[in-house]
Amino acid sequence: MSKPKKPIIAICYDFDGTLSPKNMQEYNFIPELGVNPQDFWKEVHIRANEQDADEILTYMRIMLEKATSSMDVKITRKAFVDYGKTVELFPGVSDWFQKITAFGKEHGANVEHYIISSGIKEMIEGTSIGREFKKIYASSFMYNQNEVAYWPALAINYTTKTQFLFRINKGMLDVYDNTQINAFMEKDDRRIPFQRIIYIGDGSTDIPCMKLVKVQGGYSVGVYKPGSRKKASVEGLKKEERVNFVAPADYTENSMLFLQIKAVINKMIADYNVAKGPVRLRAEKSDDFTPIPDFKDPETENTNDGGLKQ
């Protein structure tokens, strides 16, 4: 894999509670079922407990069951995309991606955005920001010849989320690939080292990803809806050293989150430049340009007797 000329920085986002105030199904899909959202999620929890099942697979199954029995709620691929069009976003999210990408480019880095979510992929694709991401990793359905959902294709829970960080890290983005992603790869050969990955999430389901990124030298961020009761639990993640910092889910320019992410990007770029070795002036075209001499490490500099200092 050829190394890029500029450092690549990946920002990975959860969706529900991170970019949007509520679960995406609660804006349109569940109301069309004629069910209270709290009752829907309560049924999911009870069913998963009774069957000793994964809650993500369970909620996907119940979505199909209830839609099929109602006959009025569509579960085609297009319908899920249309449901996504009603999803609300936190302040500033719509402009965030272009502004952060432009900031990175201005300072010498390529910033890429990724989703890692337990929500429905097609709904995320239907939101106003669906095209801002290099890759959307989210739960999704298989569809028959009539484009009607009939079975989960992918269910992403809080632990399986971490595999997608490694896909991004290695540059092996295809979900179906379970061969290359598990092949050994030297850290220096990985497309985006963890030191240049930022993970933004809002709660307990994000903890494995938050901890992995932080331990590996990247940055994890906990966000919360301003004025909500989740502030205390998210701040607890900082005390438990699961995240580097916390901030309100305000993505507007000059917000706490916006300024902090810009600072992290600057640090990542600086670390990349330092690791490259001696800094050389960018004034080669100038007549009076004098290159900076190569740096010599005094600990390994040749001694008079031809040996090396140990």
C-alpha atoms as a PDB file:
ATOM      1  CA  MET A   1       0.000   0.000   0.000  1.00  0.00           C
ATOM      2  CA  SER A   2       1.537   3.311  -1.084  1.00  0.00           C
ATOM      3  CA  LYS A   3       1.812   5.902   1.627  1.00  0.00           C
ATOM      4  CA  PRO A   4      -0.163   9.127   1.126  1.00  0.00           C
ATOM      5  CA  LYS A   5       1.732  12.394   0.759  1.00  0.00           C
ATOM      6  CA  LYS A   6      -0.395  14.016   3.453  1.00  0.00           C
ATOM      7  CA  PRO A   7      -1.435  12.512   6.784  1.00  0.00           C
ATOM      8  CA  ILE A   8      -4.949  11.078   6.802  1.00  0.00           C
ATOM      9  CA  ILE A   9      -7.061  11.712   9.882  1.00  0.00           C
ATOM     10  CA  ALA A  10     -10.214   9.644  10.456  1.00  0.00           C
ATOM     11  CA  ILE A  11     -13.092  10.950  12.560  1.00  0.00           C
ATOM     12  CA  CYS A  12     -15.490   8.143  13.468  1.00  0.00           C
ATOM     13  CA  TYR A  13     -18.970   8.894  14.772  1.00  0.00           C
ATOM     14  CA  ASP A  14     -21.732   7.044  16.496  1.00  0.00           C
ATOM     15  CA  PHE A  15     -25.080   8.379  15.222  1.00  0.00           C
ATOM     16  CA  ASP A  16     -28.001   8.193  17.667  1.00  0.00           C
ATOM     17  CA  GLY A  17     -27.350  10.571  20.567  1.00  0.00           C
ATOM     18  CA  THR A  18     -24.127  11.738  18.930  1.00  0.00           C
ATOM     19  CA  LEU A  19     -25.152  13.447  15.701  1.00  0.00           C
ATOM     20  CA  SER A  20     -28.903  13.211  16.285  1.00  0.00           C
ATOM     21  CA  PRO A  21     -30.813  13.829  19.543  1.00  0.00           C
ATOM     22  CA  LYS A  22     -32.910  10.616  19.391  1.00  0.00           C
ATOM     23  CA  ASN A  23     -32.872   7.099  17.987  1.00  0.00           C
ATOM     24  CA  MET A  24     -33.426   7.399  14.246  1.00  0.00           C
ATOM     25  CA  GLN A  25     -36.396   4.979  14.278  1.00  0.00           C
ATOM     26  CA  GLU A  26     -38.293   7.327  16.606  1.00  0.00           C
ATOM     27  CA  TYR A  27     -38.707  10.151  14.089  1.00  0.00           C
ATOM     28  CA  ASN A  28     -40.924   8.393  11.589  1.00  0.00           C
ATOM     29  CA  PHE A  29     -40.785   4.601  11.524  1.00  0.00           C
ATOM     30  CA  ILE A  30     -42.037   3.816  15.040  1.00  0.00           C
ATOM     31  CA  PRO A  31     -44.742   6.536  14.965  1.00  0.00           C
ATOM     32  CA  GLU A  32     -46.057   5.032  11.708  1.00  0.00           C
ATOM     33  CA  LEU A  33     -46.421   1.720  13.536  1.00  0.00           C
ATOM     34  CA  GLY A  34     -48.713   3.499  15.990  1.00  0.00           C
ATOM     35  CA  VAL A  35     -46.453   2.480  18.869  1.00  0.00           C
ATOM     36  CA  ASN A  36     -44.989   4.615  21.630  1.00  0.00           C
ATOM     37  CA  PRO A  37     -41.164   4.623  21.310  1.00  0.00           C
ATOM     38  CA  GLN A  38     -40.729   3.713  24.978  1.00  0.00           C
ATOM     39  CA  ASP A  39     -43.048   0.728  24.553  1.00  0.00           C
ATOM     40  CA  PHE A  40     -41.165  -0.359  21.426  1.00  0.00           C
ATOM     41  CA  TRP A  41     -37.771  -0.388  23.158  1.00  0.00           C
ATOM     42  CA  LYS A  42     -39.263  -2.018  26.253  1.00  0.00           C
ATOM     43  CA  GLU A  43     -40.556  -4.858  24.092  1.00  0.00           C
ATOM     44  CA  VAL A  44     -37.116  -5.193  22.498  1.00  0.00           C
ATOM     45  CA  HIS A  45     -35.473  -5.464  25.913  1.00  0.00           C
ATOM     46  CA  ILE A  46     -37.986  -8.036  27.173  1.00  0.00           C
ATOM     47  CA  ARG A  47     -37.728 -10.177  24.024  1.00  0.00           C
ATOM     48  CA  ALA A  48     -33.937 -10.101  24.068  1.00  0.00           C
ATOM     49  CA  ASN A  49     -33.924 -11.078  27.745  1.00  0.00           C
ATOM     50  CA  GLU A  50     -36.396 -13.931  27.244  1.00  0.00           C
ATOM     51  CA  GLN A  51     -34.535 -15.320  24.235  1.00  0.00           C
ATOM     52  CA  ASP A  52     -31.037 -14.534  25.528  1.00  0.00           C
ATOM     53  CA  ALA A  53     -30.589 -12.648  22.261  1.00  0.00           C
ATOM     54  CA  ASP A  54     -28.621  -9.707  20.976  1.00  0.00           C
ATOM     55  CA  GLU A  55     -30.688  -6.528  21.359  1.00  0.00           C
ATOM     56  CA  ILE A  56     -29.686  -5.188  17.949  1.00  0.00           C
ATOM     57  CA  LEU A  57     -30.846  -8.323  16.149  1.00  0.00           C
ATOM     58  CA  THR A  58     -33.952  -8.287  18.310  1.00  0.00           C
ATOM     59  CA  TYR A  59     -34.963  -4.727  17.460  1.00  0.00           C
ATOM     60  CA  MET A  60     -34.386  -5.409  13.759  1.00  0.00           C
ATOM     61  CA  ARG A  61     -36.590  -8.509  13.950  1.00  0.00           C
ATOM     62  CA  ILE A  62     -39.361  -6.635  15.771  1.00  0.00           C
ATOM     63  CA  MET A  63     -39.202  -3.821  13.188  1.00  0.00           C
ATOM     64  CA  LEU A  64     -39.944  -6.343  10.451  1.00  0.00           C
ATOM     65  CA  GLU A  65     -42.615  -8.151  12.483  1.00  0.00           C
ATOM     66  CA  LYS A  66     -44.580  -5.037  13.318  1.00  0.00           C
ATOM     67  CA  ALA A  67     -44.293  -3.529   9.845  1.00  0.00           C
ATOM     68  CA  THR A  68     -45.422  -6.781   8.212  1.00  0.00           C
ATOM     69  CA  SER A  69     -48.437  -7.132  10.504  1.00  0.00           C
ATOM     70  CA  SER A  70     -49.520  -3.514  10.051  1.00  0.00           C
ATOM     71  CA  MET A  71     -49.451  -3.737   6.221  1.00  0.00           C
ATOM     72  CA  ASP A  72     -49.260   0.080   6.115  1.00  0.00           C
ATOM     73  CA  VAL A  73     -45.612   0.561   7.051  1.00  0.00           C
ATOM     74  CA  LYS A  74     -43.196  -0.015   4.186  1.00  0.00           C
ATOM     75  CA  ILE A  75     -39.924  -1.833   4.737  1.00  0.00           C
ATOM     76  CA  THR A  76     -38.344  -1.443   1.325  1.00  0.00           C
ATOM     77  CA  ARG A  77     -34.843  -0.071   0.875  1.00  0.00           C
ATOM     78  CA  LYS A  78     -36.309   3.164  -0.506  1.00  0.00           C
ATOM     79  CA  ALA A  79     -38.713   3.458   2.436  1.00  0.00           C
ATOM     80  CA  PHE A  80     -35.871   3.245   4.956  1.00  0.00           C
ATOM     81  CA  VAL A  81     -33.976   5.947   3.053  1.00  0.00           C
ATOM     82  CA  ASP A  82     -37.118   8.100   3.114  1.00  0.00           C
ATOM     83  CA  TYR A  83     -37.498   7.552   6.874  1.00  0.00           C
ATOM     84  CA  GLY A  84     -33.985   8.925   7.231  1.00  0.00           C
ATOM     85  CA  LYS A  85     -35.009  12.207   5.624  1.00  0.00           C
ATOM     86  CA  THR A  86     -37.016  13.078   8.744  1.00  0.00           C
ATOM     87  CA  VAL A  87     -34.141  12.543  11.190  1.00  0.00           C
ATOM     88  CA  GLU A  88     -33.162  15.681  13.095  1.00  0.00           C
ATOM     89  CA  LEU A  89     -29.555  16.639  13.775  1.00  0.00           C
ATOM     90  CA  PHE A  90     -27.784  18.513  16.533  1.00  0.00           C
ATOM     91  CA  PRO A  91     -26.931  22.190  15.894  1.00  0.00           C
ATOM     92  CA  GLY A  92     -24.111  22.661  13.424  1.00  0.00           C
ATOM     93  CA  VAL A  93     -23.949  19.039  12.228  1.00  0.00           C
ATOM     94  CA  SER A  94     -25.039  19.892   8.669  1.00  0.00           C
ATOM     95  CA  ASP A  95     -22.012  22.158   8.102  1.00  0.00           C
ATOM     96  CA  TRP A  96     -19.553  20.389  10.398  1.00  0.00           C
ATOM     97  CA  PHE A  97     -18.057  17.915   7.944  1.00  0.00           C
ATOM     98  CA  GLN A  98     -17.190  20.377   5.210  1.00  0.00           C
ATOM     99  CA  LYS A  99     -15.751  22.870   7.682  1.00  0.00           C
ATOM    100  CA  ILE A 100     -13.613  20.302   9.510  1.00  0.00           C
ATOM    101  CA  THR A 101     -12.442  18.788   6.224  1.00  0.00           C
ATOM    102  CA  ALA A 102     -11.482  22.245   4.934  1.00  0.00           C
ATOM    103  CA  PHE A 103      -9.636  23.014   8.180  1.00  0.00           C
ATOM    104  CA  GLY A 104      -7.612  19.830   7.873  1.00  0.00           C
ATOM    105  CA  LYS A 105      -6.772  20.531   4.234  1.00  0.00           C
ATOM    106  CA  GLU A 106      -5.704  24.082   5.050  1.00  0.00           C
ATOM    107  CA  HIS A 107      -3.270  22.745   7.656  1.00  0.00           C
ATOM    108  CA  GLY A 108      -1.882  19.890   5.563  1.00  0.00           C
ATOM    109  CA  ALA A 109      -4.069  16.842   6.290  1.00  0.00           C
ATOM    110  CA  ASN A 110      -6.840  14.896   4.615  1.00  0.00           C
ATOM    111  CA  VAL A 111      -9.751  14.392   7.023  1.00  0.00           C
ATOM    112  CA  GLU A 112     -12.144  11.499   6.403  1.00  0.00           C
ATOM    113  CA  HIS A 113     -15.456  10.912   8.174  1.00  0.00           C
ATOM    114  CA  TYR A 114     -16.923   7.504   9.084  1.00  0.00           C
ATOM    115  CA  ILE A 115     -20.087   6.274  10.796  1.00  0.00           C
ATOM    116  CA  ILE A 116     -20.015   3.282  13.178  1.00  0.00           C
ATOM    117  CA  SER A 117     -23.589   2.859  14.426  1.00  0.00           C
ATOM    118  CA  SER A 118     -26.088   0.292  15.659  1.00  0.00           C
ATOM    119  CA  GLY A 119     -28.788   2.186  13.777  1.00  0.00           C
ATOM    120  CA  ILE A 120     -30.068   1.417  10.287  1.00  0.00           C
ATOM    121  CA  LYS A 121     -27.612   2.116   7.476  1.00  0.00           C
ATOM    122  CA  GLU A 122     -30.255   3.023   4.892  1.00  0.00           C
ATOM    123  CA  MET A 123     -31.822   5.557   7.252  1.00  0.00           C
ATOM    124  CA  ILE A 124     -28.449   7.219   7.775  1.00  0.00           C
ATOM    125  CA  GLU A 125     -27.939   7.309   4.007  1.00  0.00           C
ATOM    126  CA  GLY A 126     -31.256   9.139   3.726  1.00  0.00           C
ATOM    127  CA  THR A 127     -30.334  11.927   6.135  1.00  0.00           C
ATOM    128  CA  SER A 128     -29.117  15.293   4.896  1.00  0.00           C
ATOM    129  CA  ILE A 129     -25.541  14.297   5.801  1.00  0.00           C
ATOM    130  CA  GLY A 130     -25.611  10.816   4.280  1.00  0.00           C
ATOM    131  CA  ARG A 131     -23.084  11.714   1.575  1.00  0.00           C
ATOM    132  CA  GLU A 132     -20.526  13.236   3.928  1.00  0.00           C
ATOM    133  CA  PHE A 133     -19.012   9.895   4.944  1.00  0.00           C
ATOM    134  CA  LYS A 134     -16.334   7.827   3.269  1.00  0.00           C
ATOM    135  CA  LYS A 135     -18.020   4.745   4.710  1.00  0.00           C
ATOM    136  CA  ILE A 136     -21.143   4.102   6.776  1.00  0.00           C
ATOM    137  CA  TYR A 137     -20.900   1.069   9.041  1.00  0.00           C
ATOM    138  CA  ALA A 138     -24.357   0.431  10.470  1.00  0.00           C
ATOM    139  CA  SER A 139     -26.902  -2.333  10.899  1.00  0.00           C
ATOM    140  CA  SER A 140     -28.663  -3.199   7.650  1.00  0.00           C
ATOM    141  CA  PHE A 141     -31.114  -5.611   6.065  1.00  0.00           C
ATOM    142  CA  MET A 142     -31.044  -8.087   3.213  1.00  0.00           C
ATOM    143  CA  TYR A 143     -33.640  -7.323   0.522  1.00  0.00           C
ATOM    144  CA  ASN A 144     -35.541  -9.639  -1.821  1.00  0.00           C
ATOM    145  CA  GLN A 145     -36.159  -9.134  -5.545  1.00  0.00           C
ATOM    146  CA  ASN A 146     -38.822  -6.550  -4.708  1.00  0.00           C
ATOM    147  CA  GLU A 147     -36.402  -4.601  -2.498  1.00  0.00           C
ATOM    148  CA  VAL A 148     -38.348  -5.614   0.632  1.00  0.00           C
ATOM    149  CA  ALA A 149     -36.322  -6.264   3.791  1.00  0.00           C
ATOM    150  CA  TYR A 150     -36.558  -9.844   5.036  1.00  0.00           C
ATOM    151  CA  TRP A 151     -33.448 -10.567   7.147  1.00  0.00           C
ATOM    152  CA  PRO A 152     -30.608  -8.687   8.877  1.00  0.00           C
ATOM    153  CA  ALA A 153     -27.522  -8.409   6.691  1.00  0.00           C
ATOM    154  CA  LEU A 154     -25.411  -6.833   9.406  1.00  0.00           C
ATOM    155  CA  ALA A 155     -26.077  -6.145  13.079  1.00  0.00           C
ATOM    156  CA  ILE A 156     -23.600  -3.884  14.861  1.00  0.00           C
ATOM    157  CA  ASN A 157     -23.582  -3.898  18.646  1.00  0.00           C
ATOM    158  CA  TYR A 158     -21.287  -2.207  21.154  1.00  0.00           C
ATOM    159  CA  THR A 159     -18.548  -4.844  20.921  1.00  0.00           C
ATOM    160  CA  THR A 160     -18.635  -5.546  17.184  1.00  0.00           C
ATOM    161  CA  LYS A 161     -18.193  -1.820  16.567  1.00  0.00           C
ATOM    162  CA  THR A 162     -14.483  -2.182  17.310  1.00  0.00           C
ATOM    163  CA  GLN A 163     -13.794  -4.344  14.235  1.00  0.00           C
ATOM    164  CA  PHE A 164     -14.668  -1.400  12.015  1.00  0.00           C
ATOM    165  CA  LEU A 165     -12.028   0.718  13.673  1.00  0.00           C
ATOM    166  CA  PHE A 166      -9.494  -1.890  12.565  1.00  0.00           C
ATOM    167  CA  ARG A 167     -10.937  -1.846   9.049  1.00  0.00           C
ATOM    168  CA  ILE A 168     -10.430   1.911   8.940  1.00  0.00           C
ATOM    169  CA  ASN A 169      -6.995   1.547  10.530  1.00  0.00           C
ATOM    170  CA  LYS A 170      -5.858  -0.991   7.912  1.00  0.00           C
ATOM    171  CA  GLY A 171      -7.742   0.475   4.960  1.00  0.00           C
ATOM    172  CA  MET A 172      -9.750  -2.741   4.472  1.00  0.00           C
ATOM    173  CA  LEU A 173     -13.224  -1.217   4.289  1.00  0.00           C
ATOM    174  CA  ASP A 174     -15.384  -3.971   2.755  1.00  0.00           C
ATOM    175  CA  VAL A 175     -17.677  -5.607   5.306  1.00  0.00           C
ATOM    176  CA  TYR A 176     -17.712  -8.986   3.559  1.00  0.00           C
ATOM    177  CA  ASP A 177     -13.917  -9.308   3.713  1.00  0.00           C
ATOM    178  CA  ASN A 178     -12.891 -11.525   6.632  1.00  0.00           C
ATOM    179  CA  THR A 179      -9.563 -12.636   5.157  1.00  0.00           C
ATOM    180  CA  GLN A 180      -7.440  -9.569   4.498  1.00  0.00           C
ATOM    181  CA  ILE A 181      -8.712  -7.781   7.600  1.00  0.00           C
ATOM    182  CA  ASN A 182      -7.290 -10.587   9.762  1.00  0.00           C
ATOM    183  CA  ALA A 183      -3.979 -10.796   7.928  1.00  0.00           C
ATOM    184  CA  PHE A 184      -0.942  -9.450   9.763  1.00  0.00           C
ATOM    185  CA  MET A 185       0.033  -5.912   8.821  1.00  0.00           C
ATOM    186  CA  GLU A 186       2.926  -3.883  10.223  1.00  0.00           C
ATOM    187  CA  LYS A 187       1.805  -0.743  12.022  1.00  0.00           C
ATOM    188  CA  ASP A 188       3.819   1.442   9.658  1.00  0.00           C
ATOM    189  CA  ASP A 189       1.945  -0.046   6.701  1.00  0.00           C
ATOM    190  CA  ARG A 190      -1.520   0.723   8.016  1.00  0.00           C
ATOM    191  CA  ARG A 191      -3.409   3.418   6.139  1.00  0.00           C
ATOM    192  CA  ILE A 192      -4.550   5.380   9.188  1.00  0.00           C
ATOM    193  CA  PRO A 193      -2.696   4.668  12.456  1.00  0.00           C
ATOM    194  CA  PHE A 194      -4.789   4.820  15.617  1.00  0.00           C
ATOM    195  CA  GLN A 195      -2.792   7.909  16.617  1.00  0.00           C
ATOM    196  CA  ARG A 196      -4.722   9.730  13.874  1.00  0.00           C
ATOM    197  CA  ILE A 197      -8.190   8.387  14.678  1.00  0.00           C
ATOM    198  CA  ILE A 198     -10.810  10.369  16.598  1.00  0.00           C
ATOM    199  CA  TYR A 199     -13.920   8.634  17.943  1.00  0.00           C
ATOM    200  CA  ILE A 200     -17.008  10.626  18.956  1.00  0.00           C
ATOM    201  CA  GLY A 201     -19.822   8.901  20.870  1.00  0.00           C
ATOM    202  CA  ASP A 202     -22.396   9.539  23.552  1.00  0.00           C
ATOM    203  CA  GLY A 203     -22.658   6.639  25.944  1.00  0.00           C
ATOM    204  CA  SER A 204     -22.066   3.142  27.229  1.00  0.00           C
ATOM    205  CA  THR A 205     -22.482   1.440  23.840  1.00  0.00           C
ATOM    206  CA  ASP A 206     -19.477   3.427  22.616  1.00  0.00           C
ATOM    207  CA  ILE A 207     -17.148   2.512  25.475  1.00  0.00           C
ATOM    208  CA  PRO A 208     -15.238  -0.323  23.718  1.00  0.00           C
ATOM    209  CA  CYS A 209     -14.483   1.968  20.752  1.00  0.00           C
ATOM    210  CA  MET A 210     -13.645   4.907  22.988  1.00  0.00           C
ATOM    211  CA  LYS A 211     -11.261   2.882  25.101  1.00  0.00           C
ATOM    212  CA  LEU A 212      -9.600   1.176  22.119  1.00  0.00           C
ATOM    213  CA  VAL A 213      -8.896   4.442  20.334  1.00  0.00           C
ATOM    214  CA  LYS A 214      -7.649   6.176  23.473  1.00  0.00           C
ATOM    215  CA  VAL A 215      -5.372   3.321  24.541  1.00  0.00           C
ATOM    216  CA  GLN A 216      -3.909   3.115  21.035  1.00  0.00           C
ATOM    217  CA  GLY A 217      -2.953   6.792  21.084  1.00  0.00           C
ATOM    218  CA  GLY A 218      -5.937   8.351  19.344  1.00  0.00           C
ATOM    219  CA  TYR A 219      -8.573  10.652  20.817  1.00  0.00           C
ATOM    220  CA  SER A 220     -12.014   9.730  22.146  1.00  0.00           C
ATOM    221  CA  VAL A 221     -14.722  12.283  22.791  1.00  0.00           C
ATOM    222  CA  GLY A 222     -17.929  11.948  24.790  1.00  0.00           C
ATOM    223  CA  VAL A 223     -20.807  14.234  23.797  1.00  0.00           C
ATOM    224  CA  TYR A 224     -24.180  14.866  25.391  1.00  0.00           C
ATOM    225  CA  LYS A 225     -27.360  16.725  24.531  1.00  0.00           C
ATOM    226  CA  PRO A 226     -27.151  20.155  26.172  1.00  0.00           C
ATOM    227  CA  GLY A 227     -29.344  20.315  29.260  1.00  0.00           C
ATOM    228  CA  SER A 228     -29.973  16.559  29.355  1.00  0.00           C
ATOM    229  CA  ARG A 229     -29.480  14.148  32.234  1.00  0.00           C
ATOM    230  CA  LYS A 230     -26.849  12.308  30.188  1.00  0.00           C
ATOM    231  CA  LYS A 231     -24.273  14.971  30.986  1.00  0.00           C
ATOM    232  CA  ALA A 232     -23.341  13.302  34.288  1.00  0.00           C
ATOM    233  CA  SER A 233     -22.909   9.835  32.757  1.00  0.00           C
ATOM    234  CA  VAL A 234     -20.813  11.180  29.887  1.00  0.00           C
ATOM    235  CA  GLU A 235     -18.643  13.164  32.290  1.00  0.00           C
ATOM    236  CA  GLY A 236     -18.208   9.893  34.187  1.00  0.00           C
ATOM    237  CA  LEU A 237     -16.469   8.494  31.110  1.00  0.00           C
ATOM    238  CA  LYS A 238     -13.792  11.154  31.522  1.00  0.00           C
ATOM    239  CA  LYS A 239     -13.281  10.277  35.198  1.00  0.00           C
ATOM    240  CA  GLU A 240     -13.002   6.601  34.252  1.00  0.00           C
ATOM    241  CA  GLU A 241     -10.417   7.505  31.577  1.00  0.00           C
ATOM    242  CA  ARG A 242     -12.569   6.128  28.761  1.00  0.00           C
ATOM    243  CA  VAL A 243     -12.412   9.438  26.838  1.00  0.00           C
ATOM    244  CA  ASN A 244      -9.959  12.307  26.479  1.00  0.00           C
ATOM    245  CA  PHE A 245     -12.599  14.995  26.905  1.00  0.00           C
ATOM    246  CA  VAL A 246     -16.342  15.635  26.913  1.00  0.00           C
ATOM    247  CA  ALA A 247     -18.418  18.409  25.359  1.00  0.00           C
ATOM    248  CA  PRO A 248     -22.028  19.342  24.581  1.00  0.00           C
ATOM    249  CA  ALA A 249     -23.241  17.997  21.227  1.00  0.00           C
ATOM    250  CA  ASP A 250     -22.973  21.441  19.682  1.00  0.00           C
ATOM    251  CA  TYR A 251     -21.204  21.235  16.318  1.00  0.00           C
ATOM    252  CA  THR A 252     -21.443  24.916  15.454  1.00  0.00           C
ATOM    253  CA  GLU A 253     -18.316  26.855  14.623  1.00  0.00           C
ATOM    254  CA  ASN A 254     -16.425  28.083  17.706  1.00  0.00           C
ATOM    255  CA  SER A 255     -18.321  25.716  20.006  1.00  0.00           C
ATOM    256  CA  MET A 256     -16.299  23.830  22.625  1.00  0.00           C
ATOM    257  CA  LEU A 257     -16.423  20.673  20.491  1.00  0.00           C
ATOM    258  CA  PHE A 258     -15.443  22.474  17.285  1.00  0.00           C
ATOM    259  CA  LEU A 259     -12.442  24.185  18.873  1.00  0.00           C
ATOM    260  CA  GLN A 260     -11.270  21.036  20.638  1.00  0.00           C
ATOM    261  CA  ILE A 261     -11.396  18.913  17.486  1.00  0.00           C
ATOM    262  CA  LYS A 262      -9.451  21.568  15.584  1.00  0.00           C
ATOM    263  CA  ALA A 263      -6.817  21.518  18.327  1.00  0.00           C
ATOM    264  CA  VAL A 264      -6.592  17.712  18.139  1.00  0.00           C
ATOM    265  CA  ILE A 265      -6.214  17.835  14.353  1.00  0.00           C
ATOM    266  CA  ASN A 266      -3.417  20.386  14.704  1.00  0.00           C
ATOM    267  CA  LYS A 267      -1.648  18.152  17.215  1.00  0.00           C
ATOM    268  CA  MET A 268      -1.985  15.104  14.980  1.00  0.00           C
ATOM    269  CA  ILE A 269      -0.499  17.024  12.051  1.00  0.00           C
ATOM    270  CA  ALA A 270       2.357  18.304  14.224  1.00  0.00           C
ATOM    271  CA  ASP A 271       3.093  14.794  15.511  1.00  0.00           C
ATOM    272  CA  TYR A 272       3.114  13.494  11.935  1.00  0.00           C
ATOM    273  CA  ASN A 273       5.558  16.183  10.804  1.00  0.00           C
ATOM    274  CA  VAL A 274       7.875  15.590  13.759  1.00  0.00           C
ATOM    275  CA  ALA A 275       7.882  11.852  13.086  1.00  0.00           C
ATOM    276  CA  LYS A 276       8.854  12.435   9.450  1.00  0.00           C
ATOM    277  CA  GLY A 277      12.248  13.707  10.544  1.00  0.00           C
ATOM    278  CA  PRO A 278      14.139  16.963   9.919  1.00  0.00           C
ATOM    279  CA  VAL A 279      11.946  19.885   8.903  1.00  0.00           C
ATOM    280  CA  ARG A 280      13.041  21.590   5.708  1.00  0.00           C
ATOM    281  CA  LEU A 281      12.126  25.080   4.589  1.00  0.00           C
ATOM    282  CA  ARG A 282       9.433  25.392   1.973  1.00  0.00           C
ATOM    283  CA  ALA A 283      11.186  28.236   0.207  1.00  0.00           C
ATOM    284  CA  GLU A 284      13.100  26.192  -2.367  1.00  0.00           C
ATOM    285  CA  LYS A 285      12.025  28.585  -5.073  1.00  0.00           C
ATOM    286  CA  SER A 286      13.616  31.533  -3.289  1.00  0.00           C
ATOM    287  CA  ASP A 287      17.045  32.706  -4.496  1.00  0.00           C
ATOM    288  CA  ASP A 288      18.410  32.948  -0.977  1.00  0.00           C
ATOM    289  CA  PHE A 289      17.087  29.532   0.113  1.00  0.00           C
ATOM    290  CA  THR A 290      19.498  27.620   2.351  1.00  0.00           C
ATOM    291  CA  PRO A 291      18.452  24.074   3.244  1.00  0.00           C
ATOM    292  CA  ILE A 292      18.521  23.062   6.884  1.00  0.00           C
ATOM    293  CA  PRO A 293      21.314  20.536   7.527  1.00  0.00           C
ATOM    294  CA  ASP A 294      20.326  17.014   8.492  1.00  0.00           C
ATOM    295  CA  PHE A 295      19.870  16.463  12.203  1.00  0.00           C
ATOM    296  CA  LYS A 296      22.500  14.322  13.902  1.00  0.00           C
ATOM    297  CA  ASP A 297      21.606  12.436  17.040  1.00  0.00           C
ATOM    298  CA  PRO A 298      24.461  12.956  19.556  1.00  0.00           C
ATOM    299  CA  GLU A 299      23.742   9.552  21.079  1.00  0.00           C
ATOM    300  CA  THR A 300      24.588   7.756  17.811  1.00  0.00           C
ATOM    301  CA  GLU A 301      27.084  10.207  16.319  1.00  0.00           C
ATOM    302  CA  ASN A 302      30.370   8.663  15.129  1.00  0.00           C
ATOM    303  CA  THR A 303      33.209   8.921  17.646  1.00  0.00           C
ATOM    304  CA  ASN A 304      36.847   9.669  16.765  1.00  0.00           C
ATOM    305  CA  ASP A 305      37.804   6.007  16.960  1.00  0.00           C
ATOM    306  CA  GLY A 306      35.239   5.054  14.311  1.00  0.00           C
ATOM    307  CA  GLY A 307      32.853   3.446  16.782  1.00  0.00           C
ATOM    308  CA  LEU A 308      29.384   4.540  17.880  1.00  0.00           C
ATOM    309  CA  LYS A 309      28.429   6.005  21.190  1.00  0.00           C
ATOM    310  CA  GLN A 310      26.338   3.477  23.062  1.00  0.00           C
END
